[in-house]
Protein backbone atom coordinates (compact mmCIF):
# COMPACT_ATOMS: atom_id res chain seq x y z
CA MET A 1 -15.01 12.11 -5.04
CA ARG A 2 -11.82 14.05 -5.71
CA ILE A 3 -9.84 13.72 -2.50
CA ALA A 4 -6.58 15.33 -1.34
CA VAL A 5 -4.79 13.50 1.48
CA LEU A 6 -2.35 15.74 3.36
CA ALA A 7 0.52 13.80 4.97
CA PRO A 8 4.08 14.54 6.17
CA THR A 9 5.81 11.99 3.91
CA PRO A 10 4.84 8.70 2.22
CA PRO A 11 5.79 5.46 4.03
CA TRP A 12 8.58 4.64 1.56
CA VAL A 13 10.35 7.82 2.76
CA VAL A 14 9.57 7.42 6.48
CA ARG A 15 7.91 4.25 7.80
CA SER A 16 5.84 4.95 10.89
CA GLY A 17 2.21 4.63 11.90
CA LEU A 18 1.19 8.09 10.74
CA GLU A 19 2.68 7.74 7.25
CA THR A 20 1.30 4.22 6.88
CA VAL A 21 -2.24 5.20 7.85
CA ALA A 22 -2.24 8.19 5.48
CA PHE A 23 -1.07 6.23 2.44
CA GLU A 24 -3.08 3.08 3.11
CA SER A 25 -6.21 5.22 3.54
CA ALA A 26 -5.46 6.98 0.24
CA LYS A 27 -4.84 3.63 -1.48
CA GLY A 28 -8.06 2.15 -0.10
CA LEU A 29 -10.10 5.14 -1.26
CA ALA A 30 -8.56 4.91 -4.74
CA LYS A 31 -9.52 1.22 -4.90
CA ARG A 32 -13.08 2.25 -4.13
CA GLY A 33 -13.13 4.39 -7.28
CA HIS A 34 -12.20 7.84 -6.00
CA GLU A 35 -9.62 10.19 -7.54
CA VAL A 36 -7.01 10.54 -4.80
CA ASP A 37 -3.92 12.75 -4.54
CA MET A 38 -1.55 12.59 -1.57
CA ILE A 39 0.28 15.88 -0.92
CA CYS A 40 3.46 15.47 1.13
CA LEU A 41 7.20 16.12 1.46
CA SER A 42 10.00 14.22 -0.26
CA GLU A 43 13.67 13.50 0.48
CA GLY A 44 14.57 13.64 -3.22
CA ASP A 45 13.88 15.83 -6.24
CA LYS A 46 10.76 14.11 -7.53
CA LYS A 47 7.72 16.32 -8.08
CA THR A 48 5.11 13.63 -8.62
CA GLU A 49 4.64 9.89 -9.03
CA THR A 50 1.78 7.40 -8.98
CA ARG A 51 1.69 4.40 -6.67
CA ASP A 52 -1.18 1.93 -6.21
CA GLY A 53 -3.63 4.26 -7.92
CA VAL A 54 -2.67 7.28 -5.79
CA ARG A 55 -1.04 10.33 -7.38
CA VAL A 56 1.66 11.53 -4.98
CA LEU A 57 2.46 15.25 -5.18
CA TYR A 58 5.70 16.32 -3.51
CA ALA A 59 4.99 19.89 -2.50
CA GLY A 60 8.32 20.41 -0.72
CA LYS A 61 11.51 18.72 0.43
CA LYS A 62 11.89 17.12 3.85
CA ILE A 63 14.45 18.86 6.09
CA ILE A 64 16.93 16.58 7.87
CA THR A 65 19.12 18.11 10.59
CA LYS A 66 19.58 14.86 12.62
CA VAL A 67 18.09 16.66 15.63
CA PRO A 68 14.64 15.03 15.99
CA ALA A 69 12.88 17.97 17.67
CA ALA A 70 14.26 20.46 15.13
CA ASP A 71 13.38 18.16 12.23
CA HIS A 72 9.85 17.81 13.50
CA LEU A 73 9.22 21.53 13.92
CA LEU A 74 10.94 22.56 10.68
CA ASN A 75 9.07 19.97 8.63
CA SER A 76 5.74 20.98 10.16
CA LEU A 77 6.52 24.55 9.10
CA THR A 78 7.60 23.39 5.62
CA HIS A 79 4.36 21.45 5.23
CA PHE A 80 2.42 24.52 6.38
CA LEU A 81 4.10 26.70 3.76
CA THR A 82 4.09 24.29 0.82
CA SER A 83 1.08 21.95 1.06
CA HIS A 84 -0.97 24.11 -1.34
CA LEU A 85 1.75 24.62 -3.98
CA GLY A 86 1.36 23.12 -7.43
CA VAL A 87 -2.24 22.14 -6.88
CA GLU A 88 -4.57 23.70 -9.39
CA LYS A 89 -7.65 21.51 -9.52
CA LYS A 90 -10.53 21.61 -7.09
CA TYR A 91 -11.12 18.86 -4.58
CA ASP A 92 -14.38 17.73 -3.04
CA VAL A 93 -12.79 17.09 0.34
CA LEU A 94 -9.40 17.27 2.07
CA TYR A 95 -8.20 14.57 4.45
CA ALA A 96 -5.50 16.02 6.73
CA HIS A 97 -3.22 13.64 8.62
CA LYS A 98 -0.49 16.11 9.50
CA GLY A 99 0.40 19.75 9.07
CA VAL A 100 -1.89 22.75 9.12
CA ALA A 101 -4.46 22.34 6.38
CA VAL A 102 -3.88 25.73 4.79
CA PRO A 103 -5.48 24.54 1.52
CA GLN A 104 -8.88 24.27 3.17
CA LEU A 105 -8.75 28.01 3.85
CA MET A 106 -7.22 28.96 0.48
CA TRP A 107 -9.44 26.73 -1.65
CA GLY A 108 -12.59 26.79 0.45
CA VAL A 109 -12.74 22.98 0.43
CA PRO A 110 -14.25 21.06 3.38
CA CYS A 111 -11.70 19.18 5.47
CA VAL A 112 -11.68 16.07 7.63
CA LYS A 113 -8.90 15.88 10.23
CA TYR A 114 -7.41 12.54 11.29
CA SER A 115 -6.23 12.89 14.89
CA TYR A 116 -3.95 10.68 16.95
CA GLY A 117 -4.74 12.38 20.26
CA GLU A 118 -1.94 12.67 22.85
CA PHE A 119 -2.50 16.39 23.45
CA LEU A 120 -0.65 18.72 25.81
CA HIS A 121 2.53 16.87 26.68
CA TRP A 122 4.87 19.53 27.95
CA SER A 123 7.70 19.86 25.47
CA PRO A 124 8.21 22.35 22.61
CA VAL A 125 7.53 19.68 19.99
CA THR A 126 4.36 18.31 21.54
CA LEU A 127 3.01 21.79 22.31
CA ALA A 128 3.60 22.71 18.66
CA ASN A 129 1.81 19.54 17.62
CA THR A 130 -1.10 20.42 19.89
CA ALA A 131 -1.39 23.90 18.35
CA ILE A 132 -1.32 22.47 14.82
CA ASP A 133 -3.84 19.74 15.61
CA MET A 134 -6.19 22.12 17.38
CA PHE A 135 -6.16 24.47 14.39
CA ASP A 136 -7.04 21.60 12.07
CA ILE A 137 -9.70 20.17 14.38
CA TYR A 138 -11.55 23.47 14.76
CA THR A 139 -11.37 24.42 11.06
CA SER A 140 -12.44 20.97 9.83
CA LYS A 141 -16.01 19.83 9.33
CA LYS A 142 -15.29 16.44 10.86
CA THR A 143 -12.54 14.83 12.92
CA ILE A 144 -11.66 11.15 12.80
CA ALA A 145 -10.01 9.88 15.99
CA CYS A 146 -7.72 6.85 15.81
CA SER A 147 -8.90 5.35 19.12
CA GLU A 148 -11.52 5.66 21.85
CA PHE A 149 -8.88 7.45 23.92
CA ALA A 150 -8.40 10.12 21.23
CA LYS A 151 -12.16 10.41 20.64
CA LYS A 152 -12.84 11.11 24.31
CA GLN A 153 -10.04 13.67 24.42
CA ILE A 154 -11.39 15.60 21.44
CA GLU A 155 -15.02 15.39 22.51
CA GLY A 156 -13.93 17.07 25.73
CA PHE A 157 -12.98 20.22 23.79
CA PRO A 158 -15.60 22.99 23.53
CA PHE A 159 -18.06 22.68 20.63
CA MET A 160 -16.77 19.28 19.49
CA LYS A 161 -19.72 17.08 20.45
CA GLY A 162 -21.12 15.32 17.40
CA ARG A 163 -18.13 16.22 15.22
CA VAL A 164 -15.89 13.26 16.04
CA GLU A 165 -15.91 9.74 14.57
CA MET A 166 -13.64 6.87 15.63
CA ILE A 167 -11.86 4.92 12.88
CA THR A 168 -8.79 2.95 13.93
CA PRO A 169 -5.75 2.29 11.77
CA GLY A 170 -5.83 -1.00 9.88
CA THR A 171 -3.54 -3.77 8.77
CA HIS A 172 -2.87 -5.99 5.76
CA THR A 173 -4.49 -9.20 6.93
CA LYS A 174 -3.29 -11.04 3.79
CA LEU A 175 0.31 -10.04 4.52
CA PHE A 176 0.14 -10.35 8.30
CA ARG A 177 -1.22 -13.85 8.62
CA PRO A 178 -0.22 -17.01 10.49
CA GLU A 179 2.48 -18.96 8.69
CA SER A 180 4.85 -21.84 9.35
CA ARG A 181 7.87 -21.16 11.54
CA ASN A 182 10.69 -19.73 9.42
CA LYS A 183 13.46 -22.13 10.43
CA GLY A 184 16.09 -20.33 8.35
CA LEU A 185 15.48 -17.05 10.17
CA GLN A 186 15.41 -18.89 13.48
CA ARG A 187 18.87 -20.35 12.82
CA GLU A 188 20.17 -17.00 11.58
CA LEU A 189 19.14 -15.34 14.87
CA GLY A 190 20.60 -18.14 16.97
CA ILE A 191 17.28 -19.35 18.37
CA ARG A 192 17.30 -23.05 19.20
CA ASN A 193 14.37 -25.42 18.69
CA GLY A 194 12.16 -25.41 21.77
CA GLU A 195 13.09 -21.88 22.84
CA ARG A 196 10.18 -19.51 23.30
CA VAL A 197 10.42 -16.01 21.88
CA VAL A 198 8.99 -12.71 23.13
CA ILE A 199 9.06 -10.15 20.31
CA PHE A 200 9.20 -6.37 20.55
CA ALA A 201 8.77 -4.63 17.18
CA GLY A 202 9.36 -0.90 16.88
CA ARG A 203 12.00 1.77 17.41
CA VAL A 204 14.33 0.71 20.21
CA THR A 205 14.05 3.87 22.33
CA ALA A 206 13.31 4.96 25.88
CA SER A 207 9.82 6.19 24.92
CA LYS A 208 8.97 2.70 23.65
CA GLY A 209 9.73 1.32 27.11
CA CYS A 210 12.75 -0.76 26.14
CA GLU A 211 14.46 -0.30 29.50
CA ASP A 212 11.28 -1.49 31.21
CA LEU A 213 11.39 -4.55 28.96
CA ILE A 214 14.92 -5.40 30.10
CA ASP A 215 13.67 -5.37 33.71
CA VAL A 216 10.70 -7.50 32.67
CA ALA A 217 13.05 -9.96 30.94
CA GLY A 218 15.00 -10.29 34.18
CA THR A 219 11.85 -11.52 35.92
CA VAL A 220 10.49 -13.67 33.09
CA VAL A 221 13.64 -15.75 32.64
CA LYS A 222 13.48 -16.75 36.32
CA ASN A 223 9.98 -18.17 35.83
CA THR A 224 10.21 -19.44 32.27
CA GLU A 225 13.04 -21.57 30.97
CA SER A 226 14.44 -21.31 27.42
CA THR A 227 13.10 -17.84 26.62
CA LYS A 228 14.62 -15.22 24.32
CA PHE A 229 13.60 -11.57 23.94
CA LEU A 230 13.77 -10.46 20.30
CA PHE A 231 14.01 -6.72 19.55
CA VAL A 232 13.17 -5.88 15.92
CA GLY A 233 13.69 -2.23 15.06
CA LYS A 234 16.10 0.60 14.49
CA TYR A 235 18.38 1.63 17.36
CA GLU A 236 21.15 4.08 18.19
CA LYS A 237 24.43 2.41 19.19
CA SER A 238 24.71 4.52 22.35
CA TYR A 239 21.22 3.52 23.51
CA LEU A 240 21.87 -0.14 22.69
CA ALA A 241 25.00 -0.01 24.84
CA ARG A 242 22.89 1.33 27.71
CA LEU A 243 20.40 -1.51 27.36
CA LEU A 244 23.18 -4.10 27.24
CA ASP A 245 24.79 -2.68 30.38
CA LYS A 246 21.44 -2.97 32.15
CA ALA A 247 20.94 -6.51 30.84
CA GLU A 248 24.44 -7.52 31.96
CA ALA A 249 23.72 -6.26 35.47
CA LEU A 250 20.52 -8.36 35.55
CA GLY A 251 22.21 -11.41 34.08
CA VAL A 252 20.00 -11.60 30.98
CA SER A 253 22.30 -10.31 28.22
CA ASP A 254 22.48 -13.81 26.71
CA ARG A 255 18.67 -13.85 26.45
CA LEU A 256 18.44 -10.77 24.21
CA ILE A 257 18.57 -10.58 20.42
CA PHE A 258 18.72 -7.24 18.58
CA ALA A 259 17.84 -7.84 14.93
CA GLY A 260 18.04 -4.18 13.87
CA ASP A 261 15.81 -2.48 11.33
CA VAL A 262 13.70 -4.86 9.23
CA ASP A 263 11.65 -4.19 6.11
CA TYR A 264 7.95 -3.83 6.93
CA TYR A 265 7.01 -6.62 4.52
CA GLU A 266 9.44 -9.04 6.19
CA MET A 267 7.83 -8.74 9.62
CA PRO A 268 5.50 -11.78 9.28
CA LYS A 269 8.60 -14.01 9.21
CA TYR A 270 9.68 -12.61 12.59
CA TYR A 271 6.22 -13.13 14.05
CA SER A 272 6.27 -16.73 12.78
CA ILE A 273 9.17 -17.60 15.11
CA SER A 274 7.65 -15.77 18.11
CA HIS A 275 5.19 -16.74 20.82
CA VAL A 276 4.18 -13.45 22.48
CA GLN A 277 4.33 -9.84 21.24
CA VAL A 278 4.91 -6.97 23.68
CA LEU A 279 4.59 -3.18 23.64
CA PRO A 280 5.76 -1.46 26.85
CA SER A 281 5.50 2.07 25.34
CA HIS A 282 5.18 5.06 27.64
CA MET A 283 2.75 6.72 25.21
CA GLU A 284 1.05 5.24 22.18
CA ALA A 285 -1.73 6.70 20.02
CA PHE A 286 -3.07 3.26 19.07
CA GLY A 287 -0.44 0.55 18.69
CA MET A 288 -0.58 -0.69 15.10
CA VAL A 289 2.09 -3.25 15.86
CA ASN A 290 -0.38 -4.98 18.19
CA ILE A 291 -2.93 -5.66 15.47
CA GLU A 292 -0.21 -6.70 13.01
CA ALA A 293 1.01 -9.30 15.51
CA GLN A 294 -2.52 -10.40 16.40
CA SER A 295 -3.30 -10.80 12.70
CA CYS A 296 -0.41 -13.32 12.73
CA CYS A 297 -2.09 -15.16 15.67
CA LEU A 298 0.20 -13.78 18.40
CA PRO A 299 -1.25 -12.62 21.73
CA SER A 300 -0.15 -9.15 22.89
CA VAL A 301 0.92 -7.71 26.24
CA ALA A 302 1.14 -3.92 26.58
CA TYR A 303 0.90 -1.04 29.00
CA ASP A 304 -2.63 0.36 29.14
CA ILE A 305 -1.78 3.89 28.01
CA GLY A 306 -3.10 6.21 25.30
CA GLY A 307 -5.13 4.40 22.66
CA VAL A 308 -3.68 0.92 23.21
CA SER A 309 -6.95 -0.35 24.69
CA SER A 310 -8.48 0.01 21.20
CA SER A 311 -5.88 -2.37 19.73
CA ILE A 312 -5.98 -5.03 22.48
CA ARG A 313 -9.06 -6.60 24.03
CA HIS A 314 -7.95 -7.39 27.56
CA GLY A 315 -8.29 -11.08 28.33
CA VAL A 316 -9.38 -11.85 24.75
CA THR A 317 -6.57 -10.95 22.33
CA GLY A 318 -3.95 -10.21 24.96
CA TYR A 319 -3.41 -8.36 28.23
CA LEU A 320 -3.34 -4.70 29.24
CA VAL A 321 -1.13 -3.87 32.20
CA LYS A 322 -1.17 -0.78 34.40
CA PHE A 323 1.57 1.60 33.28
CA GLY A 324 4.82 1.01 35.13
CA ASP A 325 3.74 -2.30 36.71
CA LYS A 326 6.67 -4.37 35.46
CA LYS A 327 5.89 -7.22 37.84
CA SER A 328 2.43 -7.72 36.33
CA PHE A 329 3.84 -7.28 32.83
CA ALA A 330 6.29 -10.12 33.46
CA SER A 331 3.57 -12.24 35.03
CA ARG A 332 1.32 -11.92 31.96
CA ILE A 333 4.15 -12.85 29.61
CA SER A 334 5.08 -15.88 31.73
CA ALA A 335 1.44 -17.03 31.87
CA LEU A 336 1.26 -16.99 28.08
CA LEU A 337 4.62 -18.65 27.55
CA ASN A 338 3.75 -21.44 29.95
CA ASN A 339 0.26 -22.11 28.59
CA GLU A 340 0.08 -23.16 24.94
CA LYS A 341 -3.73 -23.46 24.98
CA LEU A 342 -4.08 -19.89 26.28
CA ARG A 343 -1.69 -18.59 23.61
CA SER A 344 -3.57 -20.46 20.92
CA ARG A 345 -6.98 -19.22 22.07
CA MET A 346 -5.90 -15.60 22.29
CA GLY A 347 -3.99 -15.85 18.99
CA ALA A 348 -7.08 -17.17 17.20
CA ALA A 349 -9.24 -14.41 18.72
CA GLY A 350 -6.73 -11.79 17.60
CA ARG A 351 -6.69 -13.10 14.04
CA LYS A 352 -10.50 -13.20 13.91
CA ARG A 353 -10.77 -9.62 15.16
CA ALA A 354 -8.08 -8.36 12.76
CA VAL A 355 -9.94 -9.79 9.74
CA LYS A 356 -13.33 -8.57 10.94
CA GLU A 357 -12.42 -5.08 12.17
CA PHE A 358 -8.96 -3.98 11.03
CA ASP A 359 -8.50 -5.02 7.39
CA TRP A 360 -7.63 -1.94 5.32
CA ALA A 361 -10.61 -2.55 3.01
CA ILE A 362 -12.94 -2.17 6.01
CA ILE A 363 -11.13 0.98 7.15
CA ALA A 364 -11.43 2.49 3.64
CA GLU A 365 -15.18 1.89 3.57
CA LYS A 366 -15.65 3.59 6.95
CA THR A 367 -13.44 6.51 5.91
CA GLU A 368 -15.33 6.95 2.65
CA LYS A 369 -18.60 7.49 4.53
CA VAL A 370 -17.15 10.22 6.75
CA LEU A 371 -15.48 12.02 3.82
CA ALA A 372 -18.70 11.84 1.77
CA GLU A 373 -20.69 13.42 4.61
CA ALA A 374 -18.11 16.21 4.98
CA SER A 375 -18.07 16.94 1.26
CA LYS A 376 -21.77 17.80 1.10
């Protein structure tokens, strides 16, 4: 098939779940013998390049105002206006991850929409996202939902029964795999031998529940000796100061480590020195970080919101906690830290599930079937 993947940017411009899923899906389809173009925005002046068998077409330039809401809306509009430019050949199917799929109307090509759910959150950005997603969903032949949560949401819309498939994001199980403790990194971060590490990986923001995690740390350190909380991800200095003030008030500032932004491909080293991975997000479409950690044999603890229940099997690969229940969140972490056999059992189950269900090769095969059906 000749496939066009529509995405906001490639992951080497912006690394987040959406960009990663779009490119890894394109790469997997190319490996399966299809001719794949990814149409997206760029930060530079490049018009096209080829990576991992995927031809990347930069239809426009990403707008950066440093105001997140404005950036989001302006880039959605830019994608809407430019996604069809410079494309002359005919495709068999379009695979839209973001932005209104104008090309499907202009070219008359069938489209499959990949949806992350999370509809109708009351802010200008999320309402705009809902409008864009709804347009794509209703003008596409098929919709792929990233989780059971998203699938149920979309199937609740009028006339959507039978038009929704569920295909989760994947992970690189050969990259994210159990490995020996990286003692050099451990020393660099000031973690002593025998200390147990709880790792949070992601943007250090309020929406990711980082303030909740400081409260949780305050409880955990009372029940579990020699524990450090490791935050791996980008942060704003003003927000970090807020977290440190909170930690100081709780008496846990010496238990926190902020490693800053880390290259995606370096993350297995950070998981190798950790014992439990946590995700206290206030909203999450799926939680790719959970399956990356589980693929490295770490059990996960997360709030049971959005699509997270598709990335964690409660009681098998980790624990799901009722949103806002910080006491239970702390209790689950402490139980894992204090029970090596439990950690080992859940870690092994997570690795087994990652290899069986979440490897990108498996995701590509599932995606290929849906795109082939839509192209007929």
